[in-house]
Amino acid sequence: MTTIYIPGDPMGKPKVRYLTPEQRAFRRTVATLVAGLPELQMASVSIVAVKHRPGRKPAGYPFDWSPGQNWCGAKPDADNIAKTVLDALKYGGVYTDDCKVVHLVVSTVYAAVDEQPHTEITLFDYAITKEPTP
């Protein structure tokens, strides 16, 4: 199991067809962090996108507002964050195609008090267990 930490606001897939400079920088950062990892055959990917904490509880927020991490339903969407991260992992050589990802979990949260925005990615290869776990 490997966990990588990418500082800065979580990146969603851009609406344009080309990569933005920020997207290219994100890909390069991920590629640098995963350099040297063995290629995954049956990948489990867990993504925790920690977004900037607003100064106060957002209007209409349905839960109690704690000083710790709080669920976040704001943009970028979890599915767009997943697309960006999976593309960056492929670009970094973690797997040859994202069809190798057999398990995916994405969470979006507001940062805790005094916590900086970041994206945390945990990778695990089911193929090393030699046991299928559906």
Protein backbone atom coordinates (compact mmCIF):
# COMPACT_ATOMS: atom_id res chain seq x y z
CA MET A 1 0.00 0.00 0.00
CA THR A 2 1.29 3.44 -0.94
CA THR A 3 -0.10 6.83 0.03
CA ILE A 4 0.84 10.05 -1.72
CA TYR A 5 0.00 13.57 -0.60
CA ILE A 6 -0.46 16.40 -3.09
CA PRO A 7 -0.61 19.86 -1.51
CA GLY A 8 -3.00 22.48 -2.87
CA ASP A 9 -6.64 22.62 -3.87
CA PRO A 10 -8.05 19.37 -5.32
CA MET A 11 -8.14 19.45 -9.12
CA GLY A 12 -11.23 18.57 -11.13
CA LYS A 13 -11.37 17.67 -14.79
CA PRO A 14 -11.52 20.88 -16.86
CA LYS A 15 -14.54 21.53 -19.07
CA VAL A 16 -12.29 22.26 -22.04
CA ARG A 17 -10.86 19.52 -24.24
CA TYR A 18 -7.25 20.53 -23.71
CA LEU A 19 -5.19 20.40 -20.52
CA THR A 20 -4.87 23.65 -18.62
CA PRO A 21 -1.45 24.69 -17.25
CA GLU A 22 -2.69 23.77 -13.76
CA GLN A 23 -3.71 20.32 -15.03
CA ARG A 24 -0.28 19.78 -16.58
CA ALA A 25 1.40 20.83 -13.34
CA PHE A 26 -0.81 18.42 -11.35
CA ARG A 27 0.10 15.56 -13.70
CA ARG A 28 3.81 16.33 -13.37
CA THR A 29 3.53 16.44 -9.57
CA VAL A 30 1.76 13.07 -9.45
CA ALA A 31 4.24 11.55 -11.93
CA THR A 32 7.14 12.71 -9.75
CA LEU A 33 5.55 11.30 -6.58
CA VAL A 34 4.79 7.89 -8.11
CA ALA A 35 8.11 7.52 -9.95
CA GLY A 36 9.65 4.17 -9.18
CA LEU A 37 6.46 2.48 -8.00
CA PRO A 38 5.82 -0.94 -9.53
CA GLU A 39 3.04 -1.06 -12.10
CA LEU A 40 -0.30 -2.07 -10.58
CA GLN A 41 -2.20 -4.98 -12.15
CA MET A 42 -5.48 -4.88 -10.18
CA ALA A 43 -5.51 -1.45 -8.56
CA SER A 44 -7.47 -0.19 -5.60
CA VAL A 45 -7.44 3.63 -5.50
CA SER A 46 -8.71 5.71 -2.60
CA ILE A 47 -8.86 9.49 -3.04
CA VAL A 48 -9.56 12.00 -0.28
CA ALA A 49 -9.95 15.52 -1.64
CA VAL A 50 -9.56 18.02 1.20
CA LYS A 51 -10.96 21.36 0.07
CA HIS A 52 -10.42 24.85 1.48
CA ARG A 53 -12.42 25.41 4.65
CA PRO A 54 -14.83 28.35 4.40
CA GLY A 55 -14.81 30.89 7.23
CA ARG A 56 -18.26 29.78 8.35
CA LYS A 57 -20.77 27.00 7.80
CA PRO A 58 -22.12 27.15 4.20
CA ALA A 59 -25.78 28.17 3.88
CA GLY A 60 -28.02 25.13 3.76
CA TYR A 61 -25.28 22.76 5.04
CA PRO A 62 -27.27 19.77 6.39
CA PHE A 63 -24.84 18.62 9.11
CA ASP A 64 -23.32 20.02 12.28
CA TRP A 65 -20.22 22.12 11.53
CA SER A 66 -17.32 20.71 13.54
CA PRO A 67 -13.73 21.97 13.85
CA GLY A 68 -12.61 18.70 12.21
CA GLN A 69 -13.13 17.68 8.59
CA ASN A 70 -16.69 18.06 7.31
CA TRP A 71 -18.32 16.47 4.25
CA CYS A 72 -18.21 18.73 1.21
CA GLY A 73 -20.70 18.84 -1.65
CA ALA A 74 -19.09 21.80 -3.45
CA LYS A 75 -17.33 21.75 -6.80
CA PRO A 76 -15.15 20.23 -8.09
CA ASP A 77 -17.32 17.11 -8.04
CA ALA A 78 -15.96 13.82 -6.72
CA ASP A 79 -16.26 12.17 -10.16
CA ASN A 80 -14.26 14.95 -11.84
CA ILE A 81 -11.58 14.74 -9.15
CA ALA A 82 -11.42 10.97 -9.72
CA LYS A 83 -11.00 11.44 -13.50
CA THR A 84 -8.15 13.88 -12.98
CA VAL A 85 -6.36 11.68 -10.44
CA LEU A 86 -6.81 8.49 -12.50
CA ASP A 87 -5.49 10.23 -15.64
CA ALA A 88 -2.50 11.57 -13.68
CA LEU A 89 -1.74 8.10 -12.27
CA LYS A 90 -1.84 6.64 -15.79
CA TYR A 91 0.43 9.46 -17.01
CA GLY A 92 2.79 8.66 -14.11
CA GLY A 93 2.97 4.99 -15.14
CA VAL A 94 1.14 3.50 -12.15
CA TYR A 95 -0.90 1.40 -14.60
CA THR A 96 -1.16 1.10 -18.37
CA ASP A 97 -4.88 1.84 -18.53
CA ASP A 98 -7.44 2.92 -15.95
CA CYS A 99 -9.38 -0.29 -16.67
CA LYS A 100 -6.81 -1.77 -14.24
CA VAL A 101 -8.60 0.11 -11.44
CA VAL A 102 -10.98 -2.45 -9.95
CA HIS A 103 -11.83 -0.58 -6.75
CA LEU A 104 -12.29 3.18 -6.42
CA VAL A 105 -13.34 5.29 -3.43
CA VAL A 106 -13.54 9.09 -3.58
CA SER A 107 -14.33 11.37 -0.64
CA THR A 108 -14.59 15.16 -0.64
CA VAL A 109 -14.31 17.03 2.64
CA TYR A 110 -13.74 20.54 3.89
CA ALA A 111 -10.41 20.88 5.68
CA ALA A 112 -10.28 20.84 9.47
CA VAL A 113 -9.34 24.03 11.29
CA ASP A 114 -5.62 24.74 10.59
CA GLU A 115 -5.47 22.05 7.86
CA GLN A 116 -4.35 22.98 4.36
CA PRO A 117 -6.19 21.84 1.20
CA HIS A 118 -4.65 18.74 -0.37
CA THR A 119 -5.39 15.49 -2.19
CA GLU A 120 -4.44 12.21 -0.57
CA ILE A 121 -4.21 9.13 -2.80
CA THR A 122 -3.82 5.60 -1.46
CA LEU A 123 -2.87 2.82 -3.88
CA PHE A 124 -3.04 -0.93 -3.35
CA ASP A 125 -2.54 -3.79 -5.80
CA TYR A 126 -4.96 -6.68 -5.28
CA ALA A 127 -2.82 -8.80 -7.61
CA ILE A 128 -0.12 -9.13 -4.93
CA THR A 129 -2.57 -10.90 -2.60
CA LYS A 130 -3.23 -13.69 -5.13
CA GLU A 131 -6.75 -13.82 -3.71
CA PRO A 132 -9.76 -12.47 -5.59
CA THR A 133 -11.89 -10.26 -3.35
CA PRO A 134 -15.03 -9.13 -5.18
